Amino acid sequence: MKLQNLIIGFAAALVISVLSRKFKFLKLSGSIAQFFLAGLIFGLGGIKWTVPILTFFLTSSILSKLRIRKNKSVDNFFEKSDERDYLQVFANGGLGGILVIISQFYRPELLFAVYVSSLSAVCSDTWATEIGTLKQQMPVNILSFKRVEQGTSGGISVMGTFSALMGAFIIPLSSLSWISTNLFYFILCVTSAGFLGSLLDSILGASVQAQYKCNKCNKITEKKSHCGKETSLSRGFSWINNDAVNFAASLSGCFFFILFNVWLKV
């Protein structure tokens, strides 16, 4: 039966990966990575594990395309485009692949909740970025509260923060059909864990994530090349890029949920 489920899972993953490439949600490397990751999650986790990650992927991809149409200028600051590559796929969903494997042998219900929390964090962060930059505005640095240019890592706004909360909320909402515990507790804990994970993402973005200065226009960006010239490291660590920060947000979503679960003893 599990072999049959895996075959069905990878067949569904193939269809989604091809469509994702067709609609330019993913680069070729991202589509290949999605095929293997989604096939694993779909095949081992079934519809229960599939719905939350599809909710994240589809809503985030659509919002990215919408933001590009409304405000493309912030792409000058982002390291990568709206077409996600394999590193972005694994940074956002790789932890889910690990959790679904472990769940075959150990506490599947708890690990499902942890999985949903990890997706809640990355969805929260993505919604904050995409909706928060739909319109041109001047956010503030999450640590110093000084005005920064839109698109700068660690910048937050009222709209972005509200969107982060909504992004954190939609993932547990998509999972309710498979939750047997107190639904209010589940939504509260997962949404809180996801939202805090998104805030941690912004804090890391404002502190340790690599930021570069363009030697031609003097703008701060995540890109190693800008205005056709190589940029210079301005702050942070060169080995901590946006993918590393996103993975940290995903991991922190799991951590915060486990912390709430132990603290509340439910």
Protein backbone atom coordinates (compact mmCIF):
# COMPACT_ATOMS: atom_id res chain seq x y z
CA MET A 1 0.00 0.00 0.00
CA LYS A 2 2.83 2.43 0.83
CA LEU A 3 4.50 1.72 -2.51
CA GLN A 4 1.22 2.51 -4.25
CA ASN A 5 0.91 5.74 -2.25
CA LEU A 6 4.45 6.73 -3.22
CA ILE A 7 3.72 6.13 -6.91
CA ILE A 8 0.57 8.25 -6.70
CA GLY A 9 2.43 10.90 -4.71
CA PHE A 10 5.25 11.23 -7.21
CA ALA A 11 2.78 11.24 -10.12
CA ALA A 12 0.92 14.15 -8.50
CA ALA A 13 4.23 15.87 -7.76
CA LEU A 14 5.25 15.54 -11.42
CA VAL A 15 2.06 17.26 -12.57
CA ILE A 16 2.48 20.10 -10.08
CA SER A 17 6.18 20.54 -10.93
CA VAL A 18 5.45 20.73 -14.66
CA LEU A 19 2.66 23.26 -14.10
CA SER A 20 4.87 25.27 -11.73
CA ARG A 21 7.50 25.50 -14.44
CA LYS A 22 4.91 26.37 -17.09
CA PHE A 23 3.51 29.25 -15.03
CA LYS A 24 7.06 30.33 -14.10
CA PHE A 25 6.57 29.83 -10.38
CA LEU A 26 9.85 27.89 -10.31
CA LYS A 27 13.09 27.72 -12.21
CA LEU A 28 14.07 24.36 -13.72
CA SER A 29 16.19 23.48 -10.67
CA GLY A 30 13.30 24.45 -8.42
CA SER A 31 10.86 22.28 -10.36
CA ILE A 32 13.17 19.26 -10.08
CA ALA A 33 13.64 19.86 -6.35
CA GLN A 34 9.90 20.28 -5.92
CA PHE A 35 9.25 16.99 -7.72
CA PHE A 36 11.37 14.99 -5.29
CA LEU A 37 10.32 16.89 -2.17
CA ALA A 38 6.62 16.99 -2.99
CA GLY A 39 6.62 13.37 -4.12
CA LEU A 40 8.06 12.36 -0.76
CA ILE A 41 5.57 14.44 1.24
CA PHE A 42 2.57 13.50 -0.92
CA GLY A 43 3.50 9.82 -1.03
CA LEU A 44 4.26 9.33 2.67
CA GLY A 45 1.93 11.92 4.16
CA GLY A 46 -1.07 11.66 1.87
CA ILE A 47 -3.64 14.43 1.48
CA LYS A 48 -3.20 15.39 5.14
CA TRP A 49 0.40 16.54 4.67
CA THR A 50 -0.20 17.71 1.09
CA VAL A 51 -2.86 20.39 1.66
CA PRO A 52 -0.79 22.64 3.99
CA ILE A 53 2.28 22.75 1.74
CA LEU A 54 0.16 23.29 -1.36
CA THR A 55 -1.61 26.14 0.44
CA PHE A 56 1.74 27.74 1.16
CA PHE A 57 3.17 27.18 -2.30
CA LEU A 58 0.16 28.32 -4.34
CA THR A 59 -0.71 31.40 -2.29
CA SER A 60 2.92 32.51 -2.07
CA SER A 61 3.56 32.00 -5.79
CA ILE A 62 0.44 33.94 -6.77
CA LEU A 63 1.31 36.78 -4.39
CA SER A 64 4.85 36.92 -5.82
CA LYS A 65 3.49 37.31 -9.35
CA LEU A 66 1.01 39.97 -8.19
CA ARG A 67 3.74 41.92 -6.40
CA ILE A 68 5.93 41.83 -9.51
CA ARG A 69 3.13 43.47 -11.49
CA LYS A 70 2.43 46.11 -8.86
CA ASN A 71 5.92 46.97 -7.63
CA LYS A 72 8.86 45.43 -9.48
CA SER A 73 11.35 48.02 -8.22
CA VAL A 74 12.04 46.14 -4.96
CA ASP A 75 13.62 43.33 -7.01
CA ASN A 76 16.73 45.50 -7.03
CA PHE A 77 17.18 44.58 -3.36
CA PHE A 78 16.18 40.89 -3.42
CA GLU A 79 18.86 38.28 -4.03
CA LYS A 80 16.58 36.15 -6.20
CA SER A 81 13.60 36.58 -8.50
CA ASP A 82 10.00 35.40 -8.08
CA GLU A 83 10.93 32.17 -9.92
CA ARG A 84 12.25 30.07 -7.04
CA ASP A 85 15.29 27.80 -7.41
CA TYR A 86 16.12 24.51 -5.68
CA LEU A 87 17.71 26.20 -2.66
CA GLN A 88 14.56 28.22 -2.01
CA VAL A 89 12.42 25.08 -2.35
CA PHE A 90 14.52 23.17 0.18
CA ALA A 91 14.85 26.19 2.51
CA ASN A 92 11.08 26.50 2.75
CA GLY A 93 9.97 22.88 2.54
CA GLY A 94 13.00 20.69 3.15
CA LEU A 95 12.26 20.38 6.83
CA GLY A 96 8.84 19.01 5.92
CA GLY A 97 10.47 16.21 3.95
CA ILE A 98 12.53 15.24 7.00
CA LEU A 99 9.54 15.40 9.33
CA VAL A 100 7.29 13.26 7.13
CA ILE A 101 9.95 10.51 7.08
CA ILE A 102 10.36 10.59 10.87
CA SER A 103 6.56 10.56 11.30
CA GLN A 104 6.47 7.08 9.78
CA PHE A 105 8.19 5.80 12.93
CA TYR A 106 7.54 8.29 15.74
CA ARG A 107 4.56 10.31 17.03
CA PRO A 108 2.92 11.21 13.70
CA GLU A 109 0.31 13.58 15.20
CA LEU A 110 2.88 15.68 17.06
CA LEU A 111 5.20 15.78 14.05
CA PHE A 112 2.32 16.83 11.80
CA ALA A 113 1.65 19.80 14.09
CA VAL A 114 5.38 20.64 14.07
CA TYR A 115 5.37 20.39 10.27
CA VAL A 116 2.40 22.73 9.99
CA SER A 117 4.20 25.19 12.29
CA SER A 118 7.29 25.20 10.07
CA LEU A 119 5.12 25.98 7.04
CA SER A 120 3.26 28.63 9.02
CA ALA A 121 6.57 30.42 9.65
CA VAL A 122 7.72 30.45 6.01
CA CYS A 123 4.24 31.37 4.78
CA SER A 124 4.10 34.20 7.30
CA ASP A 125 7.46 35.51 6.11
CA THR A 126 6.56 35.22 2.43
CA TRP A 127 3.19 36.93 2.81
CA ALA A 128 4.84 39.72 4.81
CA THR A 129 7.34 40.31 2.00
CA GLU A 130 5.01 40.01 -0.97
CA ILE A 131 1.99 41.89 0.41
CA GLY A 132 4.10 44.33 2.39
CA THR A 133 5.83 45.45 -0.82
CA LEU A 134 2.76 45.63 -3.07
CA LYS A 135 2.81 49.41 -2.71
CA GLN A 136 5.83 51.66 -2.44
CA GLN A 137 6.39 52.79 1.14
CA MET A 138 9.22 53.31 3.62
CA PRO A 139 9.42 50.50 6.22
CA VAL A 140 11.47 50.63 9.40
CA ASN A 141 14.31 48.41 10.54
CA ILE A 142 12.94 45.88 13.04
CA LEU A 143 15.87 46.48 15.44
CA SER A 144 16.58 50.20 15.17
CA PHE A 145 13.15 51.41 13.97
CA LYS A 146 14.94 53.74 11.56
CA ARG A 147 13.50 54.23 8.10
CA VAL A 148 15.00 51.96 5.44
CA GLU A 149 14.41 51.56 1.73
CA GLN A 150 11.66 49.16 0.79
CA GLY A 151 13.01 45.67 0.14
CA THR A 152 15.85 45.99 2.64
CA SER A 153 16.30 42.84 4.75
CA GLY A 154 14.93 43.36 8.25
CA GLY A 155 12.52 46.09 7.19
CA ILE A 156 8.97 45.87 8.52
CA SER A 157 5.74 47.81 7.97
CA VAL A 158 2.22 47.79 9.37
CA MET A 159 0.86 46.13 6.24
CA GLY A 160 3.68 43.61 6.16
CA THR A 161 3.24 42.72 9.83
CA PHE A 162 -0.51 42.24 9.46
CA SER A 163 0.11 40.11 6.35
CA ALA A 164 2.61 38.03 8.32
CA LEU A 165 -0.08 37.28 10.88
CA MET A 166 -2.56 36.29 8.16
CA GLY A 167 0.04 34.11 6.44
CA ALA A 168 0.77 32.35 9.73
CA PHE A 169 -2.96 31.81 10.27
CA ILE A 170 -3.90 30.35 6.89
CA ILE A 171 -1.67 27.27 7.23
CA PRO A 172 -3.21 25.85 10.45
CA LEU A 173 -6.61 26.76 9.00
CA SER A 174 -5.87 24.52 6.01
CA SER A 175 -5.04 21.65 8.40
CA LEU A 176 -8.11 21.59 10.64
CA SER A 177 -9.76 18.59 8.97
CA TRP A 178 -7.03 16.34 10.39
CA ILE A 179 -6.77 17.75 13.92
CA SER A 180 -8.36 15.78 16.74
CA THR A 181 -7.15 17.94 19.64
CA ASN A 182 -8.55 21.29 20.78
CA LEU A 183 -8.87 23.32 17.57
CA PHE A 184 -8.54 26.70 19.28
CA TYR A 185 -5.33 25.58 20.96
CA PHE A 186 -3.96 24.23 17.68
CA ILE A 187 -4.69 27.41 15.73
CA LEU A 188 -3.37 29.65 18.49
CA CYS A 189 -0.12 27.75 18.99
CA VAL A 190 0.67 27.21 15.31
CA THR A 191 -0.22 30.77 14.29
CA SER A 192 1.85 32.19 17.16
CA ALA A 193 4.78 29.91 16.32
CA GLY A 194 4.63 30.87 12.65
CA PHE A 195 4.35 34.58 13.35
CA LEU A 196 7.27 34.51 15.78
CA GLY A 197 9.28 32.57 13.20
CA SER A 198 8.60 35.33 10.70
CA LEU A 199 9.72 37.99 13.20
CA LEU A 200 12.91 36.02 13.82
CA ASP A 201 13.47 35.97 10.07
CA SER A 202 13.30 39.78 10.03
CA ILE A 203 15.65 40.05 13.03
CA LEU A 204 18.20 37.80 11.35
CA GLY A 205 17.76 39.76 8.15
CA ALA A 206 18.52 42.99 9.99
CA SER A 207 21.54 41.62 11.85
CA VAL A 208 23.48 38.65 10.44
CA GLN A 209 22.20 38.18 6.88
CA ALA A 210 24.68 39.29 4.23
CA GLN A 211 23.97 42.76 2.86
CA TYR A 212 26.02 44.23 0.04
CA LYS A 213 26.70 47.79 -1.13
CA CYS A 214 26.65 48.61 -4.82
CA ASN A 215 29.90 50.32 -5.76
CA LYS A 216 28.12 52.29 -8.48
CA CYS A 217 24.78 53.48 -7.06
CA ASN A 218 25.63 52.96 -3.35
CA LYS A 219 22.37 51.09 -2.67
CA ILE A 220 22.27 48.27 -0.11
CA THR A 221 21.13 44.97 -1.63
CA GLU A 222 21.17 41.21 -1.13
CA LYS A 223 22.77 40.81 -4.55
CA LYS A 224 26.46 40.06 -5.05
CA SER A 225 26.28 41.94 -8.33
CA HIS A 226 24.41 45.20 -8.94
CA CYS A 227 24.44 47.76 -11.77
CA GLY A 228 26.64 45.34 -13.69
CA LYS A 229 29.37 45.49 -11.05
CA GLU A 230 30.44 43.29 -8.13
CA THR A 231 29.14 44.56 -4.79
CA SER A 232 31.00 44.84 -1.48
CA LEU A 233 29.89 43.19 1.77
CA SER A 234 28.36 45.93 3.93
CA ARG A 235 27.23 43.95 6.97
CA GLY A 236 26.38 40.44 8.10
CA PHE A 237 28.12 37.22 7.12
CA SER A 238 28.67 36.28 3.48
CA TRP A 239 27.61 32.68 4.14
CA ILE A 240 24.24 33.70 5.62
CA ASN A 241 21.97 34.51 2.69
CA ASN A 242 18.20 34.70 2.39
CA ASP A 243 17.87 30.92 1.94
CA ALA A 244 19.72 30.31 5.22
CA VAL A 245 17.50 32.81 7.01
CA ASN A 246 14.35 31.23 5.55
CA PHE A 247 15.45 27.80 6.73
CA ALA A 248 16.10 29.26 10.19
CA ALA A 249 12.55 30.69 10.18
CA SER A 250 11.16 27.27 9.23
CA LEU A 251 13.15 25.62 12.01
CA SER A 252 12.12 28.25 14.55
CA GLY A 253 8.45 27.66 13.75
CA CYS A 254 8.95 24.06 14.90
CA PHE A 255 10.86 25.19 17.98
CA PHE A 256 8.25 27.72 19.07
CA PHE A 257 5.42 25.21 18.68
CA ILE A 258 7.25 22.61 20.78
CA LEU A 259 7.96 25.32 23.36
CA PHE A 260 4.28 26.27 23.55
CA ASN A 261 3.29 22.59 23.70
CA VAL A 262 5.60 21.95 26.67
CA TRP A 263 4.72 25.23 28.41
CA LEU A 264 0.95 24.78 28.14
CA LYS A 265 1.17 21.03 28.79
CA VAL A 266 -1.78 20.23 26.54
